[in-house]
Amino acid sequence: MADETDRINHTDHVRQRRAVVAKWTLLANRVGYLVLALAVAIFIIAFAIGFSSTLATTVVVCLVISFVLLAPSIVLGYAVKAAEREDVENNL
């Protein structure tokens, strides 16, 4: 009985941790895509008015920030979804 209670509590902690990771990955996805859209908008503006070093640097910085945010958040988001799906399939 005690082992079963420990297993249930452990599962709850794992699911709580997954929920926290899912929340942060959702935020990182939103911010990452927002910064990517900003980079595209700045690129279009720079293309229309003429590139300067400041605009080019801003586009590159926005792209780097978006890639740094999006790459791990997409992978972790899929990992959380797969883990939850596996728990449901295994009736945990």
Protein backbone atom coordinates (compact mmCIF):
# COMPACT_ATOMS: atom_id res chain seq x y z
CA MET A 1 0.00 0.00 0.00
CA ALA A 2 2.79 2.43 0.87
CA ASP A 3 4.57 1.65 -2.40
CA GLU A 4 1.42 2.42 -4.36
CA THR A 5 0.97 5.74 -2.53
CA ASP A 6 4.59 6.66 -3.24
CA ARG A 7 4.07 5.79 -6.90
CA ILE A 8 0.94 7.94 -7.14
CA ASN A 9 2.64 10.88 -5.42
CA HIS A 10 5.65 10.50 -7.70
CA THR A 11 3.38 10.49 -10.73
CA ASP A 12 1.65 13.61 -9.51
CA HIS A 13 5.00 15.36 -9.08
CA VAL A 14 6.03 14.31 -12.56
CA ARG A 15 2.78 15.58 -14.05
CA GLN A 16 3.12 18.82 -12.12
CA ARG A 17 6.62 19.25 -13.48
CA ARG A 18 5.35 18.53 -17.00
CA ALA A 19 2.68 21.17 -16.58
CA VAL A 20 5.32 23.72 -15.60
CA VAL A 21 7.51 22.76 -18.56
CA ALA A 22 4.49 22.94 -20.88
CA LYS A 23 3.65 26.42 -19.60
CA TRP A 24 7.20 27.69 -20.17
CA THR A 25 7.45 26.09 -23.61
CA LEU A 26 4.18 27.73 -24.64
CA LEU A 27 5.51 31.11 -23.51
CA ALA A 28 8.82 30.55 -25.30
CA ASN A 29 6.95 29.56 -28.47
CA ARG A 30 4.83 32.69 -28.39
CA VAL A 31 7.76 35.01 -27.74
CA GLY A 32 9.96 33.20 -30.27
CA TYR A 33 7.39 33.48 -33.05
CA LEU A 34 6.72 37.10 -32.12
CA VAL A 35 10.41 37.94 -32.42
CA LEU A 36 10.58 36.03 -35.71
CA ALA A 37 7.64 38.08 -37.04
CA LEU A 38 9.42 41.22 -35.86
CA ALA A 39 12.54 40.16 -37.78
CA VAL A 40 10.48 39.64 -40.94
CA ALA A 41 8.77 43.02 -40.52
CA ILE A 42 12.08 44.81 -39.99
CA PHE A 43 13.52 43.02 -43.03
CA ILE A 44 10.61 44.18 -45.20
CA ILE A 45 10.95 47.74 -43.92
CA ALA A 46 14.71 47.65 -44.52
CA PHE A 47 14.15 46.29 -48.02
CA ALA A 48 11.72 49.11 -48.78
CA ILE A 49 13.79 52.00 -47.42
CA GLY A 50 17.28 50.65 -47.97
CA PHE A 51 19.42 48.51 -45.73
CA SER A 52 21.59 50.08 -43.12
CA SER A 53 23.95 48.31 -40.77
CA THR A 54 21.60 49.02 -37.85
CA LEU A 55 18.60 47.43 -39.56
CA ALA A 56 20.63 44.44 -40.74
CA THR A 57 22.01 43.90 -37.23
CA THR A 58 18.52 44.18 -35.75
CA VAL A 59 17.21 41.54 -38.16
CA VAL A 60 20.07 39.16 -37.36
CA VAL A 61 19.69 39.67 -33.60
CA CYS A 62 15.94 39.02 -33.81
CA LEU A 63 16.53 35.86 -35.83
CA VAL A 64 19.11 34.56 -33.34
CA ILE A 65 16.82 35.28 -30.39
CA SER A 66 13.89 33.56 -32.07
CA PHE A 67 15.94 30.48 -32.95
CA VAL A 68 17.36 30.24 -29.44
CA LEU A 69 13.84 30.37 -28.01
CA LEU A 70 12.07 28.21 -30.58
CA ALA A 71 14.45 25.28 -31.00
CA PRO A 72 14.32 23.95 -27.43
CA SER A 73 10.72 24.97 -26.80
CA ILE A 74 9.42 23.05 -29.83
CA VAL A 75 11.38 19.93 -28.86
CA LEU A 76 10.31 20.12 -25.20
CA GLY A 77 6.72 20.79 -26.20
CA TYR A 78 6.62 17.62 -28.30
CA ALA A 79 8.31 15.69 -25.47
CA VAL A 80 5.68 16.78 -22.94
CA LYS A 81 2.85 15.90 -25.32
CA ALA A 82 4.36 12.48 -26.06
CA ALA A 83 4.86 11.73 -22.37
CA GLU A 84 1.28 12.68 -21.56
CA ARG A 85 -0.02 10.61 -24.46
CA GLU A 86 2.01 7.61 -23.27
CA ASP A 87 0.65 8.00 -19.73
CA VAL A 88 -2.91 8.01 -21.09
CA GLU A 89 -2.25 4.95 -23.25
CA ASN A 90 -0.73 3.07 -20.28
CA ASN A 91 -3.52 4.19 -17.93
CA LEU A 92 -1.16 5.91 -15.49
